[in-house]
N, C-alpha and C. Protein backbone atom coordinates (compact mmCIF):
# COMPACT_ATOMS: atom_id res chain seq x y z
N MET A 1 -5.65 -18.55 -10.91
CA MET A 1 -6.04 -17.84 -9.72
C MET A 1 -5.40 -16.46 -9.76
N MET A 2 -6.21 -15.42 -9.58
CA MET A 2 -5.68 -14.07 -9.55
C MET A 2 -5.36 -13.71 -8.12
N GLY A 3 -4.22 -13.10 -7.90
CA GLY A 3 -3.80 -12.70 -6.56
C GLY A 3 -2.31 -12.89 -6.44
N TRP A 4 -1.79 -12.53 -5.31
CA TRP A 4 -0.38 -12.76 -5.07
C TRP A 4 -0.18 -13.08 -3.61
N PHE A 5 0.98 -13.62 -3.31
CA PHE A 5 1.28 -14.00 -1.94
C PHE A 5 2.39 -13.11 -1.41
N SER A 6 2.24 -12.70 -0.18
CA SER A 6 3.26 -11.93 0.52
C SER A 6 3.83 -12.81 1.62
N SER A 7 5.14 -12.84 1.76
CA SER A 7 5.74 -13.64 2.81
C SER A 7 6.17 -12.76 3.97
N ASN A 8 5.40 -11.72 4.23
CA ASN A 8 5.67 -10.78 5.32
C ASN A 8 5.61 -11.51 6.66
N GLN A 9 6.60 -11.28 7.53
CA GLN A 9 6.64 -11.82 8.89
C GLN A 9 6.59 -13.35 8.91
N ASP A 10 7.31 -14.00 8.01
CA ASP A 10 7.48 -15.45 7.96
C ASP A 10 6.21 -16.25 7.68
N ASN A 11 5.10 -15.62 7.42
CA ASN A 11 3.86 -16.32 7.07
C ASN A 11 3.43 -15.84 5.70
N GLN A 12 2.80 -16.72 4.94
CA GLN A 12 2.28 -16.28 3.66
C GLN A 12 0.89 -15.68 3.85
N MET A 13 0.62 -14.65 3.07
CA MET A 13 -0.67 -13.97 3.11
C MET A 13 -1.16 -13.86 1.68
N PHE A 14 -2.38 -14.30 1.41
CA PHE A 14 -2.97 -14.18 0.08
C PHE A 14 -3.54 -12.78 -0.06
N LEU A 15 -3.19 -12.09 -1.15
CA LEU A 15 -3.66 -10.73 -1.40
C LEU A 15 -4.26 -10.67 -2.80
N ALA A 16 -5.39 -9.97 -2.93
CA ALA A 16 -6.02 -9.83 -4.24
C ALA A 16 -6.79 -8.52 -4.31
N THR A 17 -6.82 -7.93 -5.48
CA THR A 17 -7.56 -6.69 -5.67
C THR A 17 -9.04 -6.95 -5.94
N ILE A 18 -9.39 -8.20 -6.22
CA ILE A 18 -10.77 -8.59 -6.44
C ILE A 18 -11.09 -9.78 -5.54
N GLU A 19 -12.33 -10.23 -5.55
CA GLU A 19 -12.67 -11.47 -4.87
C GLU A 19 -12.57 -12.59 -5.90
N PRO A 20 -11.51 -13.37 -5.84
CA PRO A 20 -11.30 -14.40 -6.87
C PRO A 20 -12.39 -15.47 -6.83
N LYS A 21 -12.83 -15.87 -8.01
CA LYS A 21 -13.89 -16.88 -8.11
C LYS A 21 -13.38 -18.28 -7.83
N ASP A 22 -12.07 -18.51 -8.02
CA ASP A 22 -11.53 -19.85 -7.85
C ASP A 22 -10.89 -20.06 -6.48
N VAL A 23 -11.15 -19.18 -5.53
CA VAL A 23 -10.64 -19.32 -4.16
C VAL A 23 -11.82 -19.47 -3.22
N GLN A 24 -11.80 -20.50 -2.40
CA GLN A 24 -12.89 -20.72 -1.46
C GLN A 24 -12.60 -19.96 -0.17
N ILE A 25 -13.48 -19.03 0.17
CA ILE A 25 -13.33 -18.22 1.37
C ILE A 25 -14.19 -18.84 2.48
N GLN A 26 -13.53 -19.14 3.60
CA GLN A 26 -14.25 -19.75 4.72
C GLN A 26 -14.95 -18.70 5.59
N GLN A 27 -14.29 -17.52 5.77
CA GLN A 27 -14.88 -16.51 6.65
C GLN A 27 -14.38 -15.12 6.26
N TYR A 28 -15.29 -14.16 6.30
CA TYR A 28 -14.95 -12.75 6.12
C TYR A 28 -14.79 -12.16 7.52
N LEU A 29 -13.65 -11.52 7.79
CA LEU A 29 -13.37 -11.03 9.14
C LEU A 29 -13.61 -9.54 9.30
N GLY A 30 -13.61 -8.79 8.25
CA GLY A 30 -13.84 -7.35 8.34
C GLY A 30 -12.82 -6.54 7.57
N VAL A 31 -13.03 -5.24 7.57
CA VAL A 31 -12.17 -4.32 6.84
C VAL A 31 -10.88 -4.08 7.61
N VAL A 32 -9.78 -4.07 6.88
CA VAL A 32 -8.47 -3.73 7.45
C VAL A 32 -7.86 -2.62 6.60
N ASN A 33 -7.00 -1.83 7.21
CA ASN A 33 -6.36 -0.76 6.46
C ASN A 33 -4.96 -0.50 6.96
N GLY A 34 -4.21 0.22 6.19
CA GLY A 34 -2.86 0.65 6.54
C GLY A 34 -2.61 2.00 5.93
N GLU A 35 -1.80 2.81 6.60
CA GLU A 35 -1.48 4.13 6.10
C GLU A 35 0.01 4.41 6.27
N ALA A 36 0.52 5.26 5.41
CA ALA A 36 1.89 5.76 5.53
C ALA A 36 1.90 7.18 4.99
N ILE A 37 2.59 8.06 5.70
CA ILE A 37 2.69 9.46 5.28
C ILE A 37 4.17 9.78 5.05
N ILE A 38 4.45 10.37 3.90
CA ILE A 38 5.82 10.77 3.61
C ILE A 38 5.85 12.28 3.44
N GLY A 39 6.93 12.89 3.88
CA GLY A 39 7.12 14.33 3.73
C GLY A 39 7.98 14.62 2.52
N ALA A 40 7.73 15.76 1.92
CA ALA A 40 8.54 16.18 0.78
C ALA A 40 9.87 16.71 1.29
N ASN A 41 10.92 16.31 0.65
CA ASN A 41 12.28 16.71 1.01
C ASN A 41 12.70 17.86 0.09
N ILE A 42 13.25 18.93 0.66
CA ILE A 42 13.59 20.10 -0.14
C ILE A 42 14.60 19.78 -1.25
N PHE A 43 15.58 18.90 -0.97
CA PHE A 43 16.57 18.56 -2.00
C PHE A 43 15.94 17.69 -3.09
N ARG A 44 15.07 16.76 -2.69
CA ARG A 44 14.39 15.93 -3.67
C ARG A 44 13.50 16.83 -4.53
N ASP A 45 12.82 17.81 -3.91
CA ASP A 45 11.99 18.75 -4.66
C ASP A 45 12.81 19.54 -5.67
N MET A 46 13.99 20.01 -5.24
CA MET A 46 14.83 20.81 -6.11
C MET A 46 15.28 19.98 -7.32
N PHE A 47 15.75 18.75 -7.07
CA PHE A 47 16.22 17.92 -8.19
C PHE A 47 15.07 17.46 -9.07
N SER A 48 13.89 17.27 -8.49
CA SER A 48 12.73 16.90 -9.30
C SER A 48 12.33 18.05 -10.21
N SER A 49 12.44 19.29 -9.70
CA SER A 49 12.12 20.46 -10.53
C SER A 49 13.07 20.54 -11.71
N ILE A 50 14.35 20.31 -11.47
CA ILE A 50 15.33 20.32 -12.55
C ILE A 50 15.01 19.21 -13.55
N ARG A 51 14.67 18.04 -13.03
CA ARG A 51 14.35 16.90 -13.90
C ARG A 51 13.12 17.22 -14.74
N ASP A 52 12.12 17.92 -14.14
CA ASP A 52 10.92 18.29 -14.89
C ASP A 52 11.26 19.21 -16.07
N ILE A 53 12.24 20.08 -15.87
CA ILE A 53 12.63 21.01 -16.92
C ILE A 53 13.33 20.28 -18.06
N VAL A 54 14.24 19.37 -17.73
CA VAL A 54 15.01 18.67 -18.77
C VAL A 54 14.36 17.36 -19.21
N GLY A 55 13.32 16.95 -18.54
CA GLY A 55 12.62 15.72 -18.90
C GLY A 55 13.12 14.54 -18.11
N GLY A 56 12.37 13.47 -18.12
CA GLY A 56 12.76 12.26 -17.40
C GLY A 56 11.86 12.01 -16.20
N ARG A 57 12.23 11.01 -15.45
CA ARG A 57 11.43 10.59 -14.31
C ARG A 57 12.05 11.11 -13.02
N ALA A 58 11.20 11.42 -12.06
CA ALA A 58 11.67 11.90 -10.75
C ALA A 58 11.88 10.69 -9.85
N SER A 59 13.05 10.08 -9.94
CA SER A 59 13.31 8.82 -9.23
C SER A 59 13.28 8.98 -7.72
N GLY A 60 13.63 10.14 -7.19
CA GLY A 60 13.56 10.36 -5.74
C GLY A 60 12.14 10.23 -5.23
N TYR A 61 11.20 10.85 -5.92
CA TYR A 61 9.80 10.74 -5.54
C TYR A 61 9.28 9.33 -5.75
N GLU A 62 9.69 8.70 -6.86
CA GLU A 62 9.23 7.33 -7.13
C GLU A 62 9.67 6.38 -6.03
N SER A 63 10.92 6.51 -5.58
CA SER A 63 11.43 5.64 -4.51
C SER A 63 10.69 5.89 -3.20
N ALA A 64 10.48 7.16 -2.87
CA ALA A 64 9.76 7.51 -1.63
C ALA A 64 8.33 6.99 -1.67
N LEU A 65 7.68 7.13 -2.81
CA LEU A 65 6.31 6.67 -2.95
C LEU A 65 6.22 5.15 -2.87
N ALA A 66 7.17 4.45 -3.49
CA ALA A 66 7.19 2.98 -3.42
C ALA A 66 7.39 2.52 -1.98
N GLY A 67 8.26 3.19 -1.24
CA GLY A 67 8.48 2.85 0.17
C GLY A 67 7.23 3.08 1.00
N ALA A 68 6.54 4.19 0.76
CA ALA A 68 5.31 4.48 1.50
C ALA A 68 4.22 3.47 1.16
N ARG A 69 4.13 3.10 -0.10
CA ARG A 69 3.12 2.11 -0.52
C ARG A 69 3.38 0.77 0.16
N GLN A 70 4.65 0.35 0.23
CA GLN A 70 4.98 -0.92 0.88
C GLN A 70 4.73 -0.85 2.38
N ALA A 71 5.04 0.29 3.00
CA ALA A 71 4.79 0.45 4.44
C ALA A 71 3.29 0.37 4.74
N ALA A 72 2.47 0.99 3.90
CA ALA A 72 1.01 0.93 4.10
C ALA A 72 0.51 -0.50 3.93
N LEU A 73 1.02 -1.20 2.93
CA LEU A 73 0.64 -2.59 2.69
C LEU A 73 1.04 -3.48 3.87
N ASP A 74 2.27 -3.29 4.37
CA ASP A 74 2.74 -4.06 5.52
C ASP A 74 1.87 -3.80 6.75
N ASP A 75 1.46 -2.54 6.94
CA ASP A 75 0.59 -2.16 8.06
C ASP A 75 -0.77 -2.87 7.95
N MET A 76 -1.32 -2.92 6.74
CA MET A 76 -2.60 -3.58 6.53
C MET A 76 -2.49 -5.08 6.78
N ILE A 77 -1.42 -5.70 6.29
CA ILE A 77 -1.20 -7.13 6.47
C ILE A 77 -1.07 -7.46 7.96
N ALA A 78 -0.35 -6.61 8.70
CA ALA A 78 -0.20 -6.83 10.15
C ALA A 78 -1.56 -6.78 10.84
N GLY A 79 -2.41 -5.85 10.44
CA GLY A 79 -3.75 -5.75 11.01
C GLY A 79 -4.59 -6.98 10.69
N ALA A 80 -4.46 -7.48 9.48
CA ALA A 80 -5.22 -8.68 9.08
C ALA A 80 -4.75 -9.89 9.88
N LYS A 81 -3.45 -10.01 10.09
CA LYS A 81 -2.93 -11.14 10.86
C LYS A 81 -3.38 -11.09 12.31
N LYS A 82 -3.50 -9.88 12.87
CA LYS A 82 -4.01 -9.74 14.24
C LYS A 82 -5.44 -10.24 14.36
N MET A 83 -6.19 -10.15 13.27
CA MET A 83 -7.58 -10.64 13.25
C MET A 83 -7.63 -12.15 13.00
N GLY A 84 -6.49 -12.76 12.68
CA GLY A 84 -6.45 -14.19 12.40
C GLY A 84 -6.62 -14.52 10.93
N ALA A 85 -6.49 -13.53 10.06
CA ALA A 85 -6.68 -13.73 8.62
C ALA A 85 -5.44 -14.34 7.98
N ASN A 86 -5.66 -15.03 6.87
CA ASN A 86 -4.56 -15.49 6.04
C ASN A 86 -4.69 -14.96 4.62
N GLY A 87 -5.55 -13.95 4.47
CA GLY A 87 -5.73 -13.30 3.18
C GLY A 87 -6.44 -11.98 3.31
N VAL A 88 -6.28 -11.16 2.27
CA VAL A 88 -6.99 -9.88 2.17
C VAL A 88 -7.43 -9.74 0.72
N ILE A 89 -8.71 -9.47 0.52
CA ILE A 89 -9.24 -9.28 -0.83
C ILE A 89 -9.82 -7.88 -0.96
N GLY A 90 -10.07 -7.48 -2.19
CA GLY A 90 -10.66 -6.16 -2.45
C GLY A 90 -9.71 -5.04 -2.11
N ILE A 91 -8.41 -5.27 -2.30
CA ILE A 91 -7.40 -4.27 -1.93
C ILE A 91 -7.51 -3.05 -2.84
N ASP A 92 -7.46 -1.88 -2.20
CA ASP A 92 -7.55 -0.61 -2.92
C ASP A 92 -6.55 0.38 -2.33
N PHE A 93 -5.73 0.99 -3.17
CA PHE A 93 -4.78 2.01 -2.73
C PHE A 93 -5.34 3.40 -3.03
N ASP A 94 -5.13 4.33 -2.11
CA ASP A 94 -5.51 5.73 -2.32
C ASP A 94 -4.31 6.61 -1.99
N TYR A 95 -4.22 7.73 -2.67
CA TYR A 95 -3.12 8.67 -2.49
C TYR A 95 -3.71 10.05 -2.26
N GLU A 96 -3.23 10.76 -1.23
CA GLU A 96 -3.70 12.10 -0.91
C GLU A 96 -2.53 13.01 -0.60
N VAL A 97 -2.62 14.25 -1.01
CA VAL A 97 -1.63 15.26 -0.66
C VAL A 97 -2.14 15.97 0.57
N LEU A 98 -1.27 16.13 1.59
CA LEU A 98 -1.65 16.71 2.87
C LEU A 98 -0.79 17.92 3.22
N GLY A 99 -1.25 18.69 4.17
CA GLY A 99 -0.49 19.82 4.69
C GLY A 99 -0.90 21.12 4.04
N GLU A 100 -0.61 22.21 4.75
CA GLU A 100 -0.97 23.54 4.25
C GLU A 100 -0.31 23.85 2.92
N THR A 101 0.93 23.41 2.77
CA THR A 101 1.66 23.68 1.53
C THR A 101 1.80 22.42 0.68
N ASN A 102 0.93 21.45 0.92
CA ASN A 102 0.97 20.18 0.20
C ASN A 102 2.34 19.52 0.34
N GLY A 103 2.93 19.60 1.54
CA GLY A 103 4.27 19.11 1.77
C GLY A 103 4.35 17.64 2.15
N MET A 104 3.21 16.96 2.24
CA MET A 104 3.22 15.55 2.61
C MET A 104 2.27 14.77 1.70
N MET A 105 2.55 13.50 1.58
CA MET A 105 1.67 12.62 0.82
C MET A 105 1.31 11.43 1.67
N MET A 106 0.02 11.06 1.66
CA MET A 106 -0.44 9.90 2.40
C MET A 106 -0.82 8.80 1.40
N VAL A 107 -0.35 7.61 1.69
CA VAL A 107 -0.75 6.42 0.95
C VAL A 107 -1.57 5.58 1.91
N SER A 108 -2.78 5.25 1.51
CA SER A 108 -3.61 4.38 2.35
C SER A 108 -4.06 3.18 1.51
N VAL A 109 -4.20 2.05 2.18
CA VAL A 109 -4.64 0.84 1.52
C VAL A 109 -5.68 0.18 2.41
N SER A 110 -6.70 -0.37 1.80
CA SER A 110 -7.72 -1.07 2.57
C SER A 110 -8.17 -2.31 1.82
N GLY A 111 -8.77 -3.21 2.56
CA GLY A 111 -9.28 -4.45 1.97
C GLY A 111 -10.09 -5.20 3.01
N THR A 112 -10.57 -6.37 2.65
CA THR A 112 -11.35 -7.22 3.55
C THR A 112 -10.51 -8.41 3.97
N ALA A 113 -10.32 -8.54 5.28
CA ALA A 113 -9.56 -9.67 5.82
C ALA A 113 -10.40 -10.92 5.72
N ILE A 114 -9.78 -12.04 5.32
CA ILE A 114 -10.50 -13.30 5.15
C ILE A 114 -9.68 -14.46 5.70
N ILE A 115 -10.38 -15.57 5.88
CA ILE A 115 -9.73 -16.84 6.15
C ILE A 115 -10.03 -17.73 4.96
N LEU A 116 -9.00 -18.26 4.34
CA LEU A 116 -9.16 -19.17 3.20
C LEU A 116 -9.43 -20.57 3.69
């Protein structure tokens, strides 16, 4: 079975990027989504610029992006649970740069809430 389980808020939630063939879906409830926006930090920007010059990974950005991705996922799961779902399939993440000076990044995630 392809997918993973999240134990967010003391309940398990089935999550999958596709519609698994070996999972029986009782009901499709509708589209759910979650978003998180992070701002660029001047010190993180400065150290990332230095890191770009000498090589390596920008761990400050990676950590911020991972946190935003998890926050968006948690937001989507909460929306699915409000609909009475115990799973979300067709999950898709999108990333956008926002602001006049591209000073913010938005992570959005969407999927279809289901009852297994």
